[in-house]
Structure formats: C-alpha cells, structure tokens
C-alpha cells in the first residue's frame, strides 16, 4: 500500500471486500451481510459477529458505507447499511485491480502449460516491468 493514495486506490482486505460486495446491490442488516458473504464466498468465509461489526464501524468512519435504516426488532435495534458513492467507487477500483491480476495470472499459467516451451522474459511488454512469454 502506498501512502498518499486515495481510498479507492488501496488494496482491500478480504473481509472488507466481501462486506462491500454484499452491499453492492442492496442495503442489508448485519445477519443478512453475514449470509451474503457466505454465499459470495461459496461457503468459504463465515464472518464472526465481532469481525463484522468491527468492519462495519471502520467502513462507516471511512465513509464507504452509511446507515440506511434503523428499526427495533424484538426489542433490539437493527441497522441496515448501504454503500456510499465513495464505497461504490472503492469497490469498483478493487474489482478492476483484481481483474487485471487474474487476467495476468491466467495468461502466465497458459504460457507455462505449453508442452516443450521454455518461458523467457521480454522486458517492456505486458503487465509488469518484465513479462514472461513463450
């Protein structure tokens, strides 16, 4: 991470990315966010309550989400959360960053699976400072 970059330029940690993704299509309350994260991650990530609410508090402070509504259900306050414009921009930037990385990884893996081909570097071409080609 580089200092001085905007929030939308920073790499997100997985729980943050998953929470923002869960809120991308609709506002949700805490339990619904946990269920969405479970679905998004194909059952691989189950957010614990403490992790979720710590993340929500931090995302609120950073201006990436906002409280959408508050209601009392069974005597308990239930808040629903929604992405802000900044949160949407941040998630969009993260999605682009991840897509570029995935595309480059797929390209390099495809090169490495060609039979009888030795990978070699070609400076100044492709994704990074030196790109492997076959």
Protein backbone atom coordinates (compact mmCIF):
# COMPACT_ATOMS: atom_id res chain seq x y z
CA UNK A 1 0.00 0.00 0.00
CA UNK A 2 1.31 3.43 -0.89
CA UNK A 3 0.68 6.41 1.34
CA UNK A 4 -0.96 9.43 -0.21
CA UNK A 5 -3.19 7.36 -2.47
CA UNK A 6 -6.95 7.73 -2.35
CA UNK A 7 -9.10 5.12 -0.61
CA UNK A 8 -10.24 3.75 -3.98
CA UNK A 9 -6.59 3.08 -4.94
CA UNK A 10 -5.81 0.92 -1.90
CA UNK A 11 -5.99 -2.85 -1.88
CA UNK A 12 -8.86 -4.06 0.30
CA UNK A 13 -8.58 -6.87 2.81
CA UNK A 14 -10.85 -9.82 2.08
CA UNK A 15 -13.47 -9.17 4.82
CA UNK A 16 -13.79 -5.54 3.70
CA UNK A 17 -14.09 -6.52 0.04
CA UNK A 18 -16.73 -9.15 0.86
CA UNK A 19 -18.78 -6.77 3.02
CA UNK A 20 -18.73 -4.08 0.32
CA UNK A 21 -19.68 -6.68 -2.29
CA UNK A 22 -22.57 -7.86 -0.10
CA UNK A 23 -23.87 -4.28 -0.01
CA UNK A 24 -23.30 -3.52 -3.71
CA UNK A 25 -26.79 -4.48 -4.87
CA UNK A 26 -28.95 -3.61 -1.84
CA UNK A 27 -28.84 -2.33 1.74
CA UNK A 28 -28.60 -5.12 4.34
CA UNK A 29 -28.56 -5.60 8.11
CA UNK A 30 -25.78 -7.47 9.90
CA UNK A 31 -27.16 -11.00 9.73
CA UNK A 32 -28.05 -10.57 6.05
CA UNK A 33 -24.49 -9.37 5.35
CA UNK A 34 -23.10 -12.50 7.03
CA UNK A 35 -25.37 -14.67 4.88
CA UNK A 36 -24.44 -12.80 1.69
CA UNK A 37 -20.71 -13.13 2.44
CA UNK A 38 -21.21 -16.86 2.95
CA UNK A 39 -22.98 -17.08 -0.44
CA UNK A 40 -20.49 -14.82 -2.27
CA UNK A 41 -17.55 -16.88 -0.97
CA UNK A 42 -19.28 -20.16 -1.83
CA UNK A 43 -19.34 -21.09 1.85
CA UNK A 44 -15.62 -20.43 2.37
CA UNK A 45 -15.91 -17.30 4.55
CA UNK A 46 -18.14 -17.08 7.62
CA UNK A 47 -17.77 -13.66 9.23
CA UNK A 48 -17.89 -13.73 13.01
CA UNK A 49 -20.06 -11.14 14.69
CA UNK A 50 -17.09 -9.25 16.17
CA UNK A 51 -15.29 -9.17 12.82
CA UNK A 52 -18.41 -7.96 11.02
CA UNK A 53 -19.26 -5.12 13.41
CA UNK A 54 -15.64 -4.00 13.69
CA UNK A 55 -15.52 -3.86 9.88
CA UNK A 56 -18.86 -2.02 9.69
CA UNK A 57 -17.72 0.58 12.24
CA UNK A 58 -14.46 1.13 10.32
CA UNK A 59 -16.28 1.36 6.97
CA UNK A 60 -18.71 3.89 8.46
CA UNK A 61 -15.80 6.00 9.74
CA UNK A 62 -14.09 5.81 6.34
CA UNK A 63 -17.27 6.92 4.58
CA UNK A 64 -17.53 3.75 2.47
CA UNK A 65 -20.91 2.76 3.91
CA UNK A 66 -23.73 4.57 5.63
CA UNK A 67 -26.59 3.61 7.91
CA UNK A 68 -29.57 3.07 5.62
CA UNK A 69 -32.25 2.48 8.26
CA UNK A 70 -32.70 1.66 11.93
CA UNK A 71 -35.58 -0.29 13.41
CA UNK A 72 -36.37 -2.08 16.64
CA UNK A 73 -37.00 -5.80 16.15
CA UNK A 74 -37.84 -7.96 19.17
CA UNK A 75 -36.65 -5.17 21.46
CA UNK A 76 -33.27 -4.88 19.73
CA UNK A 77 -32.00 -2.14 17.44
CA UNK A 78 -31.34 -3.41 13.95
CA UNK A 79 -29.44 -1.24 11.49
CA UNK A 80 -29.21 -1.76 7.78
CA UNK A 81 -26.20 -0.49 5.86
CA UNK A 82 -25.71 0.72 2.30
CA UNK A 83 -22.74 1.66 0.13
CA UNK A 84 -21.94 5.33 -0.28
CA UNK A 85 -20.72 6.73 -3.59
CA UNK A 86 -17.17 6.51 -2.25
CA UNK A 87 -17.77 2.89 -1.23
CA UNK A 88 -19.04 2.05 -4.72
CA UNK A 89 -16.00 3.77 -6.29
CA UNK A 90 -13.66 1.89 -3.95
CA UNK A 91 -15.26 -1.47 -4.76
CA UNK A 92 -15.15 -0.67 -8.48
CA UNK A 93 -11.43 0.16 -8.29
CA UNK A 94 -10.75 -3.04 -6.32
CA UNK A 95 -12.69 -5.10 -8.84
CA UNK A 96 -10.63 -3.65 -11.69
CA UNK A 97 -7.37 -4.28 -9.81
CA UNK A 98 -8.29 -7.89 -9.11
CA UNK A 99 -9.46 -8.44 -12.70
CA UNK A 100 -6.10 -7.26 -14.05
CA UNK A 101 -4.23 -9.55 -11.70
CA UNK A 102 -6.44 -12.54 -12.57
CA UNK A 103 -6.05 -11.92 -16.32
CA UNK A 104 -2.26 -11.74 -15.99
CA UNK A 105 -2.13 -14.88 -13.84
CA UNK A 106 -4.27 -16.75 -16.38
CA UNK A 107 -2.06 -15.55 -19.24
CA UNK A 108 1.11 -16.66 -17.48
CA UNK A 109 -0.37 -20.01 -16.49
CA UNK A 110 -1.42 -20.64 -20.08
CA UNK A 111 2.14 -19.92 -21.22
CA UNK A 112 3.62 -22.29 -18.67
CA UNK A 113 1.40 -25.19 -19.74
CA UNK A 114 2.51 -25.27 -23.39
CA UNK A 115 4.40 -28.54 -23.93
CA UNK A 116 8.07 -28.23 -24.82
CA UNK A 117 8.11 -24.45 -24.41
CA UNK A 118 10.53 -22.65 -22.15
CA UNK A 119 9.37 -19.31 -20.72
CA UNK A 120 11.62 -16.29 -21.30
CA UNK A 121 11.45 -12.67 -20.22
CA UNK A 122 10.72 -9.86 -22.61
CA UNK A 123 11.31 -6.50 -20.91
CA UNK A 124 8.83 -3.75 -21.53
CA UNK A 125 5.93 -5.91 -22.73
CA UNK A 126 2.75 -6.85 -20.89
CA UNK A 127 1.69 -6.41 -17.32
CA UNK A 128 4.86 -5.65 -15.36
CA UNK A 129 8.41 -4.47 -15.81
CA UNK A 130 9.36 -7.82 -17.38
CA UNK A 131 6.85 -10.22 -18.86
CA UNK A 132 7.27 -13.95 -19.30
CA UNK A 133 6.48 -15.19 -22.79
CA UNK A 134 6.90 -18.47 -24.62
